[in-house]
């Protein structure tokens, strides 16, 4: 998003694509929705402006677990979503004909395959590692386990997992990470190696 805002070259539409893609990735990091749900976000229906904040309100029948997904997005996201909706989204052809948040280069609602590929491409370009949309969900579970292991229920709730087995796998992975880090600290502390 910052690159789009500061780019001195490239067309206005190129900057709109760059901003859109950055916002998709930022929202996946903030609330790692399933691919179908992030793709289908609609302004005024599943993505709503509430005063100074934006929130998600995805009906139960549109989620894999068949449970309502409610979330207030972080404060940092409001000016960025506002900027996209008011400045960049109108750069897309036919933007008035749909309430879908994400539009393709051709001006139609962006499909799941297109969103998946652009997230993979942009993350590979930025981090030299391809991060697919579902991996954001795994990252949330692992980082919750590593940093807040006693509160693994947070990940269960945010990710809307019904089975505790899925979250337990991430908890165990976090424990392995901690064990390897502790072992490495022991090795580094021992001058005889």
N, C-alpha and C. Protein backbone atom coordinates (compact mmCIF):
# COMPACT_ATOMS: atom_id res chain seq x y z
N UNK A 1 0.83 -1.18 0.00
CA UNK A 1 0.00 0.00 0.00
C UNK A 1 0.87 1.24 0.00
N UNK A 2 1.93 1.19 0.77
CA UNK A 2 2.84 2.34 0.83
C UNK A 2 3.50 2.56 -0.53
N UNK A 3 3.87 1.48 -1.22
CA UNK A 3 4.46 1.62 -2.55
C UNK A 3 3.48 2.28 -3.51
N UNK A 4 2.22 1.92 -3.42
CA UNK A 4 1.20 2.51 -4.29
C UNK A 4 1.08 4.01 -4.02
N UNK A 5 1.15 4.37 -2.76
CA UNK A 5 0.98 5.78 -2.38
C UNK A 5 2.18 6.64 -2.76
N UNK A 6 3.37 6.05 -2.81
CA UNK A 6 4.58 6.84 -3.06
C UNK A 6 5.18 6.62 -4.44
N UNK A 7 4.57 5.74 -5.24
CA UNK A 7 5.12 5.43 -6.57
C UNK A 7 5.18 6.67 -7.45
N UNK A 8 6.32 6.89 -8.04
CA UNK A 8 6.48 8.03 -8.95
C UNK A 8 6.29 7.60 -10.40
N UNK A 9 6.31 6.29 -10.61
CA UNK A 9 6.11 5.76 -11.96
C UNK A 9 4.93 4.80 -11.93
N UNK A 10 4.49 4.43 -13.10
CA UNK A 10 3.35 3.52 -13.21
C UNK A 10 2.06 4.30 -13.31
N UNK A 11 1.10 3.69 -13.94
CA UNK A 11 -0.19 4.35 -14.13
C UNK A 11 -0.99 4.38 -12.83
N UNK A 12 -2.02 5.18 -12.82
CA UNK A 12 -2.92 5.24 -11.66
C UNK A 12 -3.55 3.87 -11.44
N UNK A 13 -3.85 3.16 -12.51
CA UNK A 13 -4.46 1.84 -12.37
C UNK A 13 -3.46 0.84 -11.80
N UNK A 14 -2.20 0.92 -12.20
CA UNK A 14 -1.16 0.06 -11.63
C UNK A 14 -1.08 0.29 -10.13
N UNK A 15 -1.13 1.55 -9.69
CA UNK A 15 -1.09 1.87 -8.27
C UNK A 15 -2.34 1.35 -7.55
N UNK A 16 -3.49 1.38 -8.23
CA UNK A 16 -4.72 0.84 -7.64
C UNK A 16 -4.60 -0.66 -7.42
N UNK A 17 -4.01 -1.37 -8.37
CA UNK A 17 -3.79 -2.82 -8.22
C UNK A 17 -2.84 -3.10 -7.06
N UNK A 18 -1.78 -2.34 -6.99
CA UNK A 18 -0.79 -2.49 -5.94
C UNK A 18 -1.42 -2.26 -4.57
N UNK A 19 -2.21 -1.22 -4.45
CA UNK A 19 -2.87 -0.91 -3.19
C UNK A 19 -3.87 -2.00 -2.82
N UNK A 20 -4.68 -2.41 -3.79
CA UNK A 20 -5.66 -3.48 -3.55
C UNK A 20 -4.97 -4.73 -3.01
N UNK A 21 -3.89 -5.14 -3.66
CA UNK A 21 -3.19 -6.36 -3.27
C UNK A 21 -2.58 -6.23 -1.88
N UNK A 22 -2.01 -5.07 -1.59
CA UNK A 22 -1.45 -4.84 -0.25
C UNK A 22 -2.53 -4.88 0.82
N UNK A 23 -3.69 -4.31 0.52
CA UNK A 23 -4.78 -4.31 1.49
C UNK A 23 -5.32 -5.71 1.71
N UNK A 24 -5.42 -6.50 0.67
CA UNK A 24 -5.85 -7.90 0.83
C UNK A 24 -4.91 -8.62 1.80
N UNK A 25 -3.63 -8.48 1.58
CA UNK A 25 -2.63 -9.16 2.42
C UNK A 25 -2.71 -8.64 3.86
N UNK A 26 -2.84 -7.33 4.02
CA UNK A 26 -2.93 -6.76 5.36
C UNK A 26 -4.17 -7.26 6.10
N UNK A 27 -5.29 -7.36 5.40
CA UNK A 27 -6.51 -7.85 6.05
C UNK A 27 -6.41 -9.34 6.37
N UNK A 28 -5.74 -10.11 5.52
CA UNK A 28 -5.52 -11.52 5.83
C UNK A 28 -4.66 -11.67 7.09
N UNK A 29 -3.70 -10.78 7.25
CA UNK A 29 -2.86 -10.82 8.45
C UNK A 29 -3.67 -10.43 9.69
N UNK A 30 -4.59 -9.49 9.54
CA UNK A 30 -5.38 -9.02 10.68
C UNK A 30 -6.46 -10.01 11.08
N UNK A 31 -7.11 -10.62 10.12
CA UNK A 31 -8.19 -11.58 10.37
C UNK A 31 -8.14 -12.59 9.23
N UNK A 32 -7.40 -13.68 9.42
CA UNK A 32 -7.18 -14.62 8.32
C UNK A 32 -8.44 -15.41 7.94
N UNK A 33 -9.26 -14.77 7.15
CA UNK A 33 -10.48 -15.41 6.67
C UNK A 33 -10.17 -16.52 5.69
N UNK A 34 -11.09 -17.43 5.54
CA UNK A 34 -10.96 -18.44 4.50
C UNK A 34 -11.05 -17.74 3.14
N UNK A 35 -10.48 -18.37 2.13
CA UNK A 35 -10.40 -17.80 0.79
C UNK A 35 -11.76 -17.35 0.27
N UNK A 36 -12.77 -18.19 0.42
CA UNK A 36 -14.11 -17.83 -0.09
C UNK A 36 -14.64 -16.57 0.58
N UNK A 37 -14.38 -16.42 1.86
CA UNK A 37 -14.92 -15.27 2.59
C UNK A 37 -14.17 -13.97 2.30
N UNK A 38 -12.84 -14.02 2.21
CA UNK A 38 -12.10 -12.79 1.90
C UNK A 38 -12.42 -12.35 0.47
N UNK A 39 -12.59 -13.31 -0.42
CA UNK A 39 -12.90 -12.99 -1.82
C UNK A 39 -14.27 -12.34 -1.96
N UNK A 40 -15.24 -12.82 -1.20
CA UNK A 40 -16.63 -12.38 -1.36
C UNK A 40 -17.02 -11.18 -0.51
N UNK A 41 -16.06 -10.52 0.14
CA UNK A 41 -16.42 -9.36 0.97
C UNK A 41 -17.19 -8.32 0.14
N UNK A 42 -18.26 -7.82 0.74
CA UNK A 42 -19.09 -6.81 0.08
C UNK A 42 -19.22 -5.58 0.98
N UNK A 43 -18.98 -4.43 0.38
CA UNK A 43 -19.10 -3.17 1.11
C UNK A 43 -20.57 -2.97 1.50
N UNK A 44 -20.80 -2.73 2.78
CA UNK A 44 -22.15 -2.48 3.26
C UNK A 44 -22.94 -3.73 3.63
N UNK A 45 -22.38 -4.91 3.35
CA UNK A 45 -23.07 -6.13 3.73
C UNK A 45 -22.20 -6.99 4.65
N UNK A 46 -21.06 -7.46 4.17
CA UNK A 46 -20.18 -8.26 5.02
C UNK A 46 -18.99 -7.45 5.54
N UNK A 47 -18.75 -6.31 4.92
CA UNK A 47 -17.73 -5.35 5.39
C UNK A 47 -18.46 -4.03 5.60
N UNK A 48 -18.55 -3.63 6.86
CA UNK A 48 -19.37 -2.46 7.18
C UNK A 48 -18.59 -1.41 7.93
N UNK A 49 -18.91 -0.16 7.61
CA UNK A 49 -18.32 0.98 8.30
C UNK A 49 -19.18 1.28 9.52
N UNK A 50 -18.55 1.28 10.68
CA UNK A 50 -19.24 1.57 11.94
C UNK A 50 -18.59 2.79 12.57
N UNK A 51 -19.08 3.96 12.23
CA UNK A 51 -18.45 5.17 12.76
C UNK A 51 -17.05 5.33 12.21
N UNK A 52 -16.05 5.16 13.07
CA UNK A 52 -14.66 5.33 12.64
C UNK A 52 -13.97 4.00 12.36
N UNK A 53 -14.67 2.89 12.51
CA UNK A 53 -14.06 1.58 12.29
C UNK A 53 -14.79 0.81 11.19
N UNK A 54 -14.14 -0.22 10.72
CA UNK A 54 -14.74 -1.16 9.78
C UNK A 54 -14.87 -2.49 10.51
N UNK A 55 -15.91 -3.22 10.20
CA UNK A 55 -16.09 -4.53 10.82
C UNK A 55 -16.57 -5.54 9.79
N UNK A 56 -16.36 -6.79 10.14
CA UNK A 56 -16.81 -7.91 9.31
C UNK A 56 -18.04 -8.51 9.95
N UNK A 57 -19.01 -8.84 9.12
CA UNK A 57 -20.23 -9.48 9.58
C UNK A 57 -20.63 -10.48 8.51
N UNK A 58 -20.05 -11.67 8.61
CA UNK A 58 -20.27 -12.69 7.59
C UNK A 58 -21.31 -13.68 8.12
N UNK A 59 -22.45 -13.77 7.43
CA UNK A 59 -23.53 -14.65 7.90
C UNK A 59 -23.09 -16.11 8.02
N UNK A 60 -23.70 -16.82 8.94
CA UNK A 60 -23.36 -18.22 9.20
C UNK A 60 -23.43 -19.07 7.94
N UNK A 61 -24.44 -18.84 7.11
CA UNK A 61 -24.60 -19.68 5.91
C UNK A 61 -23.50 -19.46 4.88
N UNK A 62 -22.65 -18.44 5.08
CA UNK A 62 -21.55 -18.18 4.15
C UNK A 62 -20.20 -18.62 4.70
N UNK A 63 -20.18 -19.23 5.87
CA UNK A 63 -18.92 -19.70 6.45
C UNK A 63 -18.86 -21.21 6.42
N UNK A 64 -17.66 -21.75 6.36
CA UNK A 64 -17.48 -23.20 6.32
C UNK A 64 -18.05 -23.87 7.57
N UNK A 65 -17.85 -23.27 8.72
CA UNK A 65 -18.32 -23.85 9.99
C UNK A 65 -19.80 -23.56 10.25
N UNK A 66 -20.41 -22.78 9.37
CA UNK A 66 -21.83 -22.41 9.52
C UNK A 66 -22.10 -21.65 10.82
N UNK A 67 -21.10 -20.79 11.17
CA UNK A 67 -21.25 -19.91 12.32
C UNK A 67 -20.97 -18.48 11.89
N UNK A 68 -21.72 -17.56 12.43
CA UNK A 68 -21.55 -16.14 12.15
C UNK A 68 -20.12 -15.72 12.46
N UNK A 69 -19.53 -14.93 11.57
CA UNK A 69 -18.19 -14.39 11.81
C UNK A 69 -18.31 -12.88 12.00
N UNK A 70 -18.07 -12.43 13.21
CA UNK A 70 -18.09 -11.01 13.54
C UNK A 70 -16.70 -10.60 13.99
N UNK A 71 -16.22 -9.48 13.48
CA UNK A 71 -14.92 -8.99 13.90
C UNK A 71 -14.84 -7.49 13.63
N UNK A 72 -14.35 -6.75 14.61
CA UNK A 72 -14.03 -5.34 14.40
C UNK A 72 -12.58 -5.32 13.94
N UNK A 73 -12.33 -4.71 12.80
CA UNK A 73 -10.97 -4.67 12.27
C UNK A 73 -10.13 -3.66 13.05
N UNK A 74 -8.82 -3.87 13.09
CA UNK A 74 -7.94 -3.00 13.87
C UNK A 74 -8.02 -1.54 13.41
N UNK A 75 -7.71 -0.64 14.32
CA UNK A 75 -7.77 0.80 14.03
C UNK A 75 -6.94 1.19 12.81
N UNK A 76 -5.76 0.57 12.63
CA UNK A 76 -4.90 0.94 11.51
C UNK A 76 -5.57 0.68 10.17
N UNK A 77 -6.53 -0.24 10.13
CA UNK A 77 -7.14 -0.62 8.85
C UNK A 77 -8.14 0.41 8.34
N UNK A 78 -8.76 1.18 9.23
CA UNK A 78 -9.83 2.10 8.80
C UNK A 78 -9.36 3.11 7.75
N UNK A 79 -8.27 3.85 7.99
CA UNK A 79 -7.87 4.81 6.95
C UNK A 79 -7.43 4.13 5.66
N UNK A 80 -6.92 2.92 5.78
CA UNK A 80 -6.47 2.21 4.57
C UNK A 80 -7.65 1.68 3.76
N UNK A 81 -8.65 1.15 4.44
CA UNK A 81 -9.85 0.71 3.73
C UNK A 81 -10.56 1.92 3.12
N UNK A 82 -10.66 3.00 3.89
CA UNK A 82 -11.27 4.23 3.37
C UNK A 82 -10.55 4.68 2.10
N UNK A 83 -9.24 4.69 2.15
CA UNK A 83 -8.45 5.14 0.99
C UNK A 83 -8.72 4.25 -0.22
N UNK A 84 -8.76 2.95 -0.01
CA UNK A 84 -9.04 2.03 -1.12
C UNK A 84 -10.43 2.27 -1.70
N UNK A 85 -11.42 2.32 -0.83
CA UNK A 85 -12.82 2.46 -1.27
C UNK A 85 -13.05 3.80 -1.97
N UNK A 86 -12.50 4.86 -1.42
CA UNK A 86 -12.77 6.20 -1.95
C UNK A 86 -11.85 6.62 -3.10
N UNK A 87 -10.61 6.13 -3.10
CA UNK A 87 -9.63 6.61 -4.08
C UNK A 87 -9.25 5.55 -5.12
N UNK A 88 -8.90 4.35 -4.67
CA UNK A 88 -8.37 3.35 -5.59
C UNK A 88 -9.45 2.48 -6.26
N UNK A 89 -10.45 2.06 -5.51
CA UNK A 89 -11.49 1.19 -6.09
C UNK A 89 -12.19 1.85 -7.28
N UNK A 90 -12.45 3.17 -7.27
CA UNK A 90 -13.07 3.80 -8.44
C UNK A 90 -12.21 3.76 -9.70
N UNK A 91 -10.94 3.37 -9.58
CA UNK A 91 -10.08 3.22 -10.76
C UNK A 91 -10.44 1.99 -11.58
N UNK A 92 -11.17 1.05 -10.96
CA UNK A 92 -11.55 -0.18 -11.65
C UNK A 92 -12.82 0.05 -12.46
N UNK A 93 -12.81 -0.46 -13.70
CA UNK A 93 -14.01 -0.35 -14.53
C UNK A 93 -15.19 -1.01 -13.82
N UNK A 94 -16.36 -0.46 -14.04
CA UNK A 94 -17.62 -1.02 -13.52
C UNK A 94 -17.69 -1.09 -12.00
N UNK A 95 -16.87 -0.31 -11.30
CA UNK A 95 -16.86 -0.41 -9.84
C UNK A 95 -18.23 -0.10 -9.24
N UNK A 96 -19.04 0.72 -9.93
CA UNK A 96 -20.36 1.07 -9.38
C UNK A 96 -21.36 -0.07 -9.51
N UNK A 97 -21.07 -1.05 -10.35
CA UNK A 97 -22.04 -2.10 -10.64
C UNK A 97 -22.05 -3.23 -9.61
N UNK A 98 -21.13 -3.20 -8.66
CA UNK A 98 -21.06 -4.27 -7.66
C UNK A 98 -20.62 -3.69 -6.32
N UNK A 99 -21.07 -4.35 -5.26
CA UNK A 99 -20.63 -3.96 -3.92
C UNK A 99 -19.44 -4.81 -3.47
N UNK A 100 -19.04 -5.76 -4.31
CA UNK A 100 -17.87 -6.58 -3.95
C UNK A 100 -16.66 -5.68 -3.76
N UNK A 101 -15.91 -5.93 -2.71
CA UNK A 101 -14.77 -5.09 -2.36
C UNK A 101 -13.64 -5.21 -3.37
N UNK A 102 -13.34 -6.44 -3.75
CA UNK A 102 -12.18 -6.68 -4.61
C UNK A 102 -12.62 -6.85 -6.06
N UNK A 103 -12.02 -6.07 -6.95
CA UNK A 103 -12.34 -6.15 -8.36
C UNK A 103 -11.12 -6.59 -9.15
N UNK A 104 -11.37 -7.29 -10.24
CA UNK A 104 -10.29 -7.76 -11.11
C UNK A 104 -9.85 -6.63 -12.04
N UNK A 105 -8.79 -6.89 -12.78
CA UNK A 105 -8.30 -5.90 -13.73
C UNK A 105 -9.36 -5.56 -14.76
N UNK A 106 -10.22 -6.53 -15.07
CA UNK A 106 -11.27 -6.31 -16.06
C UNK A 106 -12.51 -5.64 -15.49
N UNK A 107 -12.53 -5.37 -14.18
CA UNK A 107 -13.66 -4.69 -13.58
C UNK A 107 -14.76 -5.59 -13.06
N UNK A 108 -14.53 -6.88 -13.08
CA UNK A 108 -15.49 -7.83 -12.51
C UNK A 108 -15.05 -8.19 -11.09
N UNK A 109 -15.96 -8.72 -10.28
CA UNK A 109 -15.53 -9.17 -8.95
C UNK A 109 -14.38 -10.16 -9.07
N UNK A 110 -13.38 -9.98 -8.27
CA UNK A 110 -12.21 -10.85 -8.26
C UNK A 110 -12.63 -12.22 -7.77
N UNK A 111 -12.23 -13.27 -8.47
CA UNK A 111 -12.57 -14.63 -8.08
C UNK A 111 -11.56 -15.22 -7.11
N UNK A 112 -11.91 -16.36 -6.54
CA UNK A 112 -11.02 -17.02 -5.57
C UNK A 112 -9.68 -17.36 -6.18
N UNK A 113 -9.67 -17.88 -7.40
CA UNK A 113 -8.41 -18.26 -8.04
C UNK A 113 -7.52 -17.04 -8.26
N UNK A 114 -8.12 -15.94 -8.70
CA UNK A 114 -7.36 -14.72 -8.91
C UNK A 114 -6.78 -14.17 -7.62
N UNK A 115 -7.59 -14.16 -6.56
CA UNK A 115 -7.11 -13.66 -5.27
C UNK A 115 -6.00 -14.55 -4.74
N UNK A 116 -6.18 -15.85 -4.84
CA UNK A 116 -5.16 -16.80 -4.37
C UNK A 116 -3.83 -16.53 -5.08
N UNK A 117 -3.87 -16.44 -6.40
CA UNK A 117 -2.64 -16.26 -7.18
C UNK A 117 -1.98 -14.92 -6.88
N UNK A 118 -2.77 -13.86 -6.73
CA UNK A 118 -2.13 -12.56 -6.49
C UNK A 118 -1.50 -12.51 -5.10
N UNK A 119 -2.11 -13.14 -4.10
CA UNK A 119 -1.51 -13.17 -2.76
C UNK A 119 -0.20 -13.95 -2.81
N UNK A 120 -0.21 -15.09 -3.49
CA UNK A 120 1.02 -15.89 -3.61
C UNK A 120 2.12 -15.11 -4.33
N UNK A 121 1.77 -14.44 -5.42
CA UNK A 121 2.76 -13.69 -6.21
C UNK A 121 3.31 -12.50 -5.42
N UNK A 122 2.43 -11.74 -4.81
CA UNK A 122 2.88 -10.54 -4.08
C UNK A 122 3.72 -10.90 -2.86
N UNK A 123 3.34 -11.96 -2.14
CA UNK A 123 4.13 -12.35 -0.97
C UNK A 123 5.48 -12.92 -1.39
N UNK A 124 5.52 -13.66 -2.49
CA UNK A 124 6.79 -14.17 -2.99
C UNK A 124 7.70 -13.01 -3.39
N UNK A 125 7.14 -12.02 -4.07
CA UNK A 125 7.93 -10.86 -4.49
C UNK A 125 8.44 -10.06 -3.28
N UNK A 126 7.62 -9.93 -2.27
CA UNK A 126 7.98 -9.11 -1.10
C UNK A 126 8.89 -9.84 -0.12
N UNK A 127 8.65 -11.15 0.07
CA UNK A 127 9.35 -11.88 1.14
C UNK A 127 10.20 -13.03 0.65
N UNK A 128 10.28 -13.21 -0.66
CA UNK A 128 11.00 -14.34 -1.26
C UNK A 128 10.44 -15.68 -0.79
N UNK A 129 9.23 -15.67 -0.34
CA UNK A 129 8.53 -16.88 0.12
C UNK A 129 7.07 -16.72 -0.23
N UNK A 130 6.54 -17.69 -0.93
CA UNK A 130 5.13 -17.65 -1.33
C UNK A 130 4.27 -18.00 -0.12
N UNK A 131 3.36 -17.10 0.22
CA UNK A 131 2.44 -17.34 1.34
C UNK A 131 1.02 -17.35 0.76
N UNK A 132 0.41 -18.52 0.76
CA UNK A 132 -0.94 -18.59 0.21
C UNK A 132 -1.94 -18.12 1.28
N UNK A 133 -3.15 -17.76 0.88
CA UNK A 133 -4.12 -17.24 1.86
C UNK A 133 -4.37 -18.16 3.05
N UNK A 134 -4.40 -19.47 2.85
CA UNK A 134 -4.66 -20.37 3.97
C UNK A 134 -3.50 -20.38 4.96
N UNK A 135 -2.30 -20.12 4.48
CA UNK A 135 -1.13 -20.11 5.36
C UNK A 135 -1.22 -18.99 6.40
N UNK A 136 -1.96 -17.91 6.10
CA UNK A 136 -2.16 -16.87 7.10
C UNK A 136 -2.90 -17.45 8.31
N UNK A 137 -3.81 -18.39 8.07
CA UNK A 137 -4.54 -19.03 9.16
C UNK A 137 -3.58 -19.88 10.00
N UNK A 138 -2.71 -20.61 9.35
CA UNK A 138 -1.72 -21.42 10.06
C UNK A 138 -0.78 -20.54 10.86
N UNK A 139 -0.38 -19.42 10.28
CA UNK A 139 0.51 -18.49 11.00
C UNK A 139 -0.14 -17.97 12.27
N UNK A 140 -1.43 -17.64 12.19
CA UNK A 140 -2.13 -17.16 13.39
C UNK A 140 -2.14 -18.24 14.47
N UNK A 141 -2.43 -19.46 14.08
CA UNK A 141 -2.48 -20.54 15.07
C UNK A 141 -1.11 -20.78 15.69
N UNK A 142 -0.06 -20.82 14.87
CA UNK A 142 1.28 -21.06 15.39
C UNK A 142 1.75 -19.91 16.27
N UNK A 143 1.55 -18.66 15.82
CA UNK A 143 2.02 -17.54 16.64
C UNK A 143 1.22 -17.44 17.94
N UNK A 144 -0.05 -17.80 17.93
CA UNK A 144 -0.83 -17.82 19.17
C UNK A 144 -0.25 -18.87 20.11
N UNK A 145 0.08 -20.03 19.57
CA UNK A 145 0.66 -21.08 20.40
C UNK A 145 2.00 -20.67 20.97
N UNK A 146 2.83 -20.03 20.16
CA UNK A 146 4.16 -19.63 20.61
C UNK A 146 4.09 -18.53 21.66
N UNK A 147 3.26 -17.52 21.42
CA UNK A 147 3.24 -16.34 22.27
C UNK A 147 2.15 -16.34 23.35
N UNK A 148 1.12 -17.14 23.16
CA UNK A 148 -0.01 -17.15 24.10
C UNK A 148 -0.53 -18.58 24.29
N UNK A 149 0.38 -19.51 24.48
CA UNK A 149 0.03 -20.93 24.55
C UNK A 149 -1.11 -21.24 25.49
N UNK A 150 -1.17 -20.55 26.61
CA UNK A 150 -2.22 -20.83 27.59
C UNK A 150 -3.58 -20.34 27.10
N UNK A 151 -3.57 -19.55 26.03
CA UNK A 151 -4.83 -19.00 25.52
C UNK A 151 -5.12 -19.48 24.10
N UNK A 152 -4.87 -20.76 23.85
CA UNK A 152 -5.07 -21.32 22.51
C UNK A 152 -6.52 -21.23 22.06
N UNK A 153 -7.43 -21.05 22.99
CA UNK A 153 -8.83 -20.88 22.62
C UNK A 153 -9.04 -19.67 21.73
N UNK A 154 -8.13 -18.68 21.84
CA UNK A 154 -8.21 -17.51 20.96
C UNK A 154 -8.13 -17.92 19.50
N UNK A 155 -7.17 -18.76 19.18
CA UNK A 155 -7.01 -19.21 17.80
C UNK A 155 -8.21 -20.03 17.36
N UNK A 156 -8.71 -20.87 18.25
CA UNK A 156 -9.89 -21.68 17.92
C UNK A 156 -11.06 -20.79 17.56
N UNK A 157 -11.25 -19.73 18.32
CA UNK A 157 -12.36 -18.81 18.08
C UNK A 157 -12.15 -18.01 16.81
N UNK A 158 -10.99 -17.40 16.65
CA UNK A 158 -10.73 -16.57 15.48
C UNK A 158 -10.80 -17.38 14.19
N UNK A 159 -10.22 -18.57 14.22
CA UNK A 159 -10.20 -19.40 13.02
C UNK A 159 -11.47 -20.23 12.84
N UNK A 160 -12.33 -20.20 13.84
CA UNK A 160 -13.61 -20.91 13.79
C UNK A 160 -13.43 -22.40 13.54
N UNK A 161 -12.50 -22.99 14.28
CA UNK A 161 -12.30 -24.44 14.21
C UNK A 161 -13.21 -25.13 15.21
N UNK A 162 -13.85 -26.17 14.77
CA UNK A 162 -14.72 -26.93 15.67
C UNK A 162 -13.92 -27.97 16.45
N UNK A 163 -12.91 -28.52 15.81
CA UNK A 163 -12.13 -29.58 16.44
C UNK A 163 -10.91 -29.02 17.16
N UNK A 164 -10.76 -29.35 18.44
CA UNK A 164 -9.56 -28.90 19.15
C UNK A 164 -8.30 -29.59 18.65
N UNK A 165 -8.45 -30.69 17.90
CA UNK A 165 -7.28 -31.41 17.37
C UNK A 165 -6.43 -30.53 16.46
N UNK A 166 -7.08 -29.69 15.66
CA UNK A 166 -6.35 -28.82 14.73
C UNK A 166 -5.49 -27.85 15.53
N UNK A 167 -6.06 -27.20 16.52
CA UNK A 167 -5.31 -26.23 17.33
C UNK A 167 -4.24 -26.93 18.16
N UNK A 168 -4.52 -28.13 18.64
CA UNK A 168 -3.52 -28.88 19.41
C UNK A 168 -2.27 -29.14 18.58
N UNK A 169 -2.45 -29.38 17.30
CA UNK A 169 -1.31 -29.60 16.41
C UNK A 169 -0.39 -28.37 16.42
N UNK A 170 -0.97 -27.17 16.37
CA UNK A 170 -0.18 -25.94 16.38
C UNK A 170 0.46 -25.72 17.75
N UNK A 171 -0.25 -26.07 18.81
CA UNK A 171 0.30 -25.95 20.15
C UNK A 171 1.53 -26.85 20.28
N UNK A 172 1.42 -28.09 19.80
CA UNK A 172 2.56 -29.01 19.85
C UNK A 172 3.72 -28.50 19.00
N UNK A 173 3.42 -27.92 17.85
CA UNK A 173 4.45 -27.35 17.00
C UNK A 173 5.17 -26.21 17.73
N UNK A 174 4.42 -25.38 18.43
CA UNK A 174 5.02 -24.28 19.19
C UNK A 174 5.92 -24.82 20.29
N UNK A 175 5.50 -25.88 20.95
CA UNK A 175 6.32 -26.48 22.00
C UNK A 175 7.63 -27.01 21.42
N UNK A 176 7.56 -27.58 20.20
CA UNK A 176 8.78 -28.05 19.54
C UNK A 176 9.72 -26.88 19.25
N UNK A 177 9.16 -25.78 18.77
CA UNK A 177 9.96 -24.59 18.49
C UNK A 177 10.64 -24.11 19.76
N UNK A 178 9.88 -24.04 20.85
CA UNK A 178 10.45 -23.61 22.13
C UNK A 178 11.56 -24.56 22.58
N UNK A 179 11.35 -25.85 22.41
CA UNK A 179 12.36 -26.83 22.83
C UNK A 179 13.64 -26.67 22.02
N UNK A 180 13.54 -26.49 20.72
CA UNK A 180 14.73 -26.31 19.88
C UNK A 180 15.44 -25.02 20.27
N UNK A 181 14.69 -23.94 20.52
CA UNK A 181 15.32 -22.68 20.93
C UNK A 181 16.05 -22.85 22.27
N UNK A 182 15.44 -23.54 23.21
CA UNK A 182 16.08 -23.77 24.51
C UNK A 182 17.36 -24.59 24.34
N UNK A 183 17.31 -25.62 23.49
CA UNK A 183 18.47 -26.46 23.23
C UNK A 183 19.60 -25.63 22.59
N UNK A 184 19.24 -24.77 21.64
CA UNK A 184 20.25 -23.93 21.00
C UNK A 184 20.89 -22.97 21.99
N UNK A 185 20.11 -22.45 22.93
CA UNK A 185 20.66 -21.56 23.96
C UNK A 185 21.64 -22.31 24.84
N UNK A 186 21.34 -23.56 25.16
CA UNK A 186 22.27 -24.39 25.96
C UNK A 186 23.57 -24.60 25.22
N UNK A 187 23.46 -24.92 23.92
CA UNK A 187 24.67 -25.14 23.12
C UNK A 187 25.51 -23.86 23.04
N UNK A 188 24.86 -22.74 22.86
CA UNK A 188 25.61 -21.48 22.74
C UNK A 188 26.22 -21.06 24.07
N UNK A 189 25.62 -21.45 25.17
CA UNK A 189 26.12 -21.09 26.51
C UNK A 189 27.32 -21.96 26.89
N UNK A 190 27.43 -23.15 26.33
CA UNK A 190 28.52 -24.08 26.68
C UNK A 190 29.73 -23.78 25.80
N UNK A 191 30.82 -23.23 26.37
CA UNK A 191 31.98 -22.87 25.56
C UNK A 191 32.66 -24.10 24.95
N UNK A 192 32.43 -25.29 25.48
CA UNK A 192 33.04 -26.51 24.94
C UNK A 192 32.24 -27.03 23.75
N UNK A 193 31.00 -26.50 23.57
CA UNK A 193 30.13 -26.83 22.44
C UNK A 193 29.79 -28.25 22.39
